[in-house]
C-alpha atoms as a PDB file:
ATOM      1  CA  UNK A   1     -75.011 -64.703  14.472  1.00  0.00           C
ATOM      2  CA  UNK A   2     -72.622 -65.049  11.884  1.00  0.00           C
ATOM      3  CA  UNK A   3     -69.954 -67.572  11.371  1.00  0.00           C
ATOM      4  CA  UNK A   4     -66.329 -67.644  10.098  1.00  0.00           C
ATOM      5  CA  UNK A   5     -65.330 -70.287   7.803  1.00  0.00           C
ATOM      6  CA  UNK A   6     -62.089 -71.986   6.851  1.00  0.00           C
ATOM      7  CA  UNK A   7     -61.486 -72.911   3.303  1.00  0.00           C
ATOM      8  CA  UNK A   8     -58.541 -75.068   2.636  1.00  0.00           C
ATOM      9  CA  UNK A   9     -56.832 -76.717  -0.529  1.00  0.00           C
ATOM     10  CA  UNK A  10     -57.611 -73.940  -2.889  1.00  0.00           C
ATOM     11  CA  UNK A  11     -55.983 -73.559  -6.193  1.00  0.00           C
ATOM     12  CA  UNK A  12     -53.301 -70.908  -5.914  1.00  0.00           C
ATOM     13  CA  UNK A  13     -55.157 -68.834  -8.729  1.00  0.00           C
ATOM     14  CA  UNK A  14     -58.324 -68.346  -6.264  1.00  0.00           C
ATOM     15  CA  UNK A  15     -59.103 -64.849  -5.565  1.00  0.00           C
ATOM     16  CA  UNK A  16     -61.226 -63.261  -2.610  1.00  0.00           C
ATOM     17  CA  UNK A  17     -63.750 -62.359  -5.083  1.00  0.00           C
ATOM     18  CA  UNK A  18     -64.124 -65.895  -6.507  1.00  0.00           C
ATOM     19  CA  UNK A  19     -64.173 -67.394  -3.172  1.00  0.00           C
ATOM     20  CA  UNK A  20     -67.039 -64.871  -1.901  1.00  0.00           C
ATOM     21  CA  UNK A  21     -68.897 -65.709  -5.213  1.00  0.00           C
ATOM     22  CA  UNK A  22     -68.354 -69.592  -4.419  1.00  0.00           C
ATOM     23  CA  UNK A  23     -70.280 -68.954  -1.000  1.00  0.00           C
ATOM     24  CA  UNK A  24     -72.779 -66.327  -2.106  1.00  0.00           C
ATOM     25  CA  UNK A  25     -75.219 -69.215  -3.620  1.00  0.00           C
ATOM     26  CA  UNK A  26     -75.695 -70.330   0.161  1.00  0.00           C
ATOM     27  CA  UNK A  27     -76.260 -66.836   1.685  1.00  0.00           C
ATOM     28  CA  UNK A  28     -75.125 -63.425   2.528  1.00  0.00           C
ATOM     29  CA  UNK A  29     -71.223 -63.301   2.549  1.00  0.00           C
ATOM     30  CA  UNK A  30     -69.784 -60.571   4.921  1.00  0.00           C
ATOM     31  CA  UNK A  31     -66.111 -60.872   3.776  1.00  0.00           C
ATOM     32  CA  UNK A  32     -63.527 -63.407   2.318  1.00  0.00           C
ATOM     33  CA  UNK A  33     -60.088 -63.324   2.208  1.00  0.00           C
ATOM     34  CA  UNK A  34     -57.218 -65.429   0.703  1.00  0.00           C
ATOM     35  CA  UNK A  35     -54.114 -65.664   2.938  1.00  0.00           C
ATOM     36  CA  UNK A  36     -51.036 -64.509   1.212  1.00  0.00           C
ATOM     37  CA  UNK A  37     -47.258 -65.286   1.781  1.00  0.00           C
ATOM     38  CA  UNK A  38     -45.900 -61.848   3.185  1.00  0.00           C
ATOM     39  CA  UNK A  39     -42.490 -62.682   1.524  1.00  0.00           C
ATOM     40  CA  UNK A  40     -43.359 -63.765  -2.102  1.00  0.00           C
ATOM     41  CA  UNK A  41     -46.996 -62.057  -2.216  1.00  0.00           C
ATOM     42  CA  UNK A  42     -48.518 -65.469  -3.416  1.00  0.00           C
ATOM     43  CA  UNK A  43     -51.660 -67.409  -2.256  1.00  0.00           C
ATOM     44  CA  UNK A  44     -50.814 -69.937   0.530  1.00  0.00           C
ATOM     45  CA  UNK A  45     -53.945 -71.954  -0.658  1.00  0.00           C
ATOM     46  CA  UNK A  46     -56.544 -71.280   1.928  1.00  0.00           C
ATOM     47  CA  UNK A  47     -58.536 -68.449   3.024  1.00  0.00           C
ATOM     48  CA  UNK A  48     -61.714 -67.364   5.289  1.00  0.00           C
ATOM     49  CA  UNK A  49     -65.252 -66.579   4.556  1.00  0.00           C
ATOM     50  CA  UNK A  50     -67.456 -64.937   7.004  1.00  0.00           C
ATOM     51  CA  UNK A  51     -71.194 -65.461   6.407  1.00  0.00           C
ATOM     52  CA  UNK A  52     -73.929 -63.318   8.159  1.00  0.00           C
ATOM     53  CA  UNK A  53     -76.299 -66.364   9.082  1.00  0.00           C
ATOM     54  CA  UNK A  54     -74.999 -69.421  11.217  1.00  0.00           C
ATOM     55  CA  UNK A  55     -77.301 -71.744   9.252  1.00  0.00           C
ATOM     56  CA  UNK A  56     -76.343 -70.645   5.975  1.00  0.00           C
ATOM     57  CA  UNK A  57     -72.733 -71.259   6.833  1.00  0.00           C
ATOM     58  CA  UNK A  58     -73.527 -74.591   8.163  1.00  0.00           C
ATOM     59  CA  UNK A  59     -75.159 -75.582   4.753  1.00  0.00           C
ATOM     60  CA  UNK A  60     -72.211 -74.223   2.861  1.00  0.00           C
ATOM     61  CA  UNK A  61     -69.626 -76.207   4.994  1.00  0.00           C
ATOM     62  CA  UNK A  62     -71.809 -79.326   4.537  1.00  0.00           C
ATOM     63  CA  UNK A  63     -72.088 -78.922   0.689  1.00  0.00           C
ATOM     64  CA  UNK A  64     -68.602 -77.564  -0.225  1.00  0.00           C
ATOM     65  CA  UNK A  65     -66.389 -79.730   2.065  1.00  0.00           C
ATOM     66  CA  UNK A  66     -64.927 -82.277  -0.011  1.00  0.00           C
ATOM     67  CA  UNK A  67     -66.300 -80.886  -3.199  1.00  0.00           C
ATOM     68  CA  UNK A  68     -64.027 -80.146  -6.331  1.00  0.00           C
ATOM     69  CA  UNK A  69     -63.032 -76.842  -7.211  1.00  0.00           C
ATOM     70  CA  UNK A  70     -60.246 -76.120  -9.705  1.00  0.00           C
ATOM     71  CA  UNK A  71     -59.227 -79.891  -9.650  1.00  0.00           C
ATOM     72  CA  UNK A  72     -58.805 -79.973  -5.770  1.00  0.00           C
ATOM     73  CA  UNK A  73     -61.000 -81.417  -3.105  1.00  0.00           C
ATOM     74  CA  UNK A  74     -61.738 -78.496  -0.739  1.00  0.00           C
ATOM     75  CA  UNK A  75     -61.535 -78.457   2.851  1.00  0.00           C
ATOM     76  CA  UNK A  76     -64.162 -76.488   4.479  1.00  0.00           C
ATOM     77  CA  UNK A  77     -64.822 -76.104   8.245  1.00  0.00           C
ATOM     78  CA  UNK A  78     -65.652 -73.780  10.870  1.00  0.00           C
ATOM     79  CA  UNK A  79     -62.699 -71.666  11.383  1.00  0.00           C
ATOM     80  CA  UNK A  80     -60.991 -72.006  14.784  1.00  0.00           C
ATOM     81  CA  UNK A  81     -59.766 -68.795  17.077  1.00  0.00           C
ATOM     82  CA  UNK A  82     -56.137 -67.863  16.331  1.00  0.00           C
ATOM     83  CA  UNK A  83     -54.020 -69.323  19.093  1.00  0.00           C
ATOM     84  CA  UNK A  84     -51.905 -66.686  20.805  1.00  0.00           C
ATOM     85  CA  UNK A  85     -48.036 -67.281  20.488  1.00  0.00           C
ATOM     86  CA  UNK A  86     -46.138 -68.310  23.676  1.00  0.00           C
ATOM     87  CA  UNK A  87     -43.577 -65.587  24.224  1.00  0.00           C
ATOM     88  CA  UNK A  88     -41.674 -67.794  26.448  1.00  0.00           C
ATOM     89  CA  UNK A  89     -40.422 -70.229  23.639  1.00  0.00           C
ATOM     90  CA  UNK A  90     -37.225 -69.785  21.971  1.00  0.00           C
ATOM     91  CA  UNK A  91     -37.719 -67.897  18.812  1.00  0.00           C
ATOM     92  CA  UNK A  92     -41.117 -66.563  19.841  1.00  0.00           C
ATOM     93  CA  UNK A  93     -39.982 -62.948  19.239  1.00  0.00           C
ATOM     94  CA  UNK A  94     -38.984 -63.665  15.613  1.00  0.00           C
ATOM     95  CA  UNK A  95     -42.070 -65.227  14.839  1.00  0.00           C
ATOM     96  CA  UNK A  96     -41.859 -68.493  16.070  1.00  0.00           C
ATOM     97  CA  UNK A  97     -38.851 -69.357  13.852  1.00  0.00           C
ATOM     98  CA  UNK A  98     -36.057 -70.914  15.617  1.00  0.00           C
ATOM     99  CA  UNK A  99     -32.621 -69.317  15.328  1.00  0.00           C
ATOM    100  CA  UNK A 100     -30.359 -72.107  14.340  1.00  0.00           C
ATOM    101  CA  UNK A 101     -27.288 -69.537  14.381  1.00  0.00           C
ATOM    102  CA  UNK A 102     -27.119 -69.077  18.137  1.00  0.00           C
ATOM    103  CA  UNK A 103     -26.414 -71.544  21.067  1.00  0.00           C
ATOM    104  CA  UNK A 104     -23.786 -74.091  21.403  1.00  0.00           C
ATOM    105  CA  UNK A 105     -22.563 -76.353  18.834  1.00  0.00           C
ATOM    106  CA  UNK A 106     -19.610 -78.345  17.670  1.00  0.00           C
ATOM    107  CA  UNK A 107     -18.760 -75.285  15.571  1.00  0.00           C
ATOM    108  CA  UNK A 108     -15.390 -73.802  16.049  1.00  0.00           C
ATOM    109  CA  UNK A 109     -16.995 -70.395  17.671  1.00  0.00           C
ATOM    110  CA  UNK A 110     -13.795 -68.578  17.582  1.00  0.00           C
ATOM    111  CA  UNK A 111     -13.573 -68.396  13.588  1.00  0.00           C
ATOM    112  CA  UNK A 112     -17.292 -69.691  12.691  1.00  0.00           C
ATOM    113  CA  UNK A 113     -15.969 -72.494  10.634  1.00  0.00           C
ATOM    114  CA  UNK A 114     -18.069 -75.633  10.295  1.00  0.00           C
END
């Protein structure tokens, strides 16, 4: 059974292809992805690799965690499942970002002056 691996503290110039090449020496890489910022289109400095064989993935994690890549010490570990967003939280409908322009405050609400 395969394994999904989190790779953090990547240089912002890292591509999915170079990430895949880094892990290919440990075994078969099924996929690799660099996470991009949706607003700027730039790398967020982390990504994920899926490897076909669990033992190969464990070996890659052990060897690459803390290793230097592009002048940075990599964080490499087994990926955790994504947590579901709590829809009951304020701001959950807006992607979890709080809306600071709503609610009560000391602002003069009639003229919106601070």
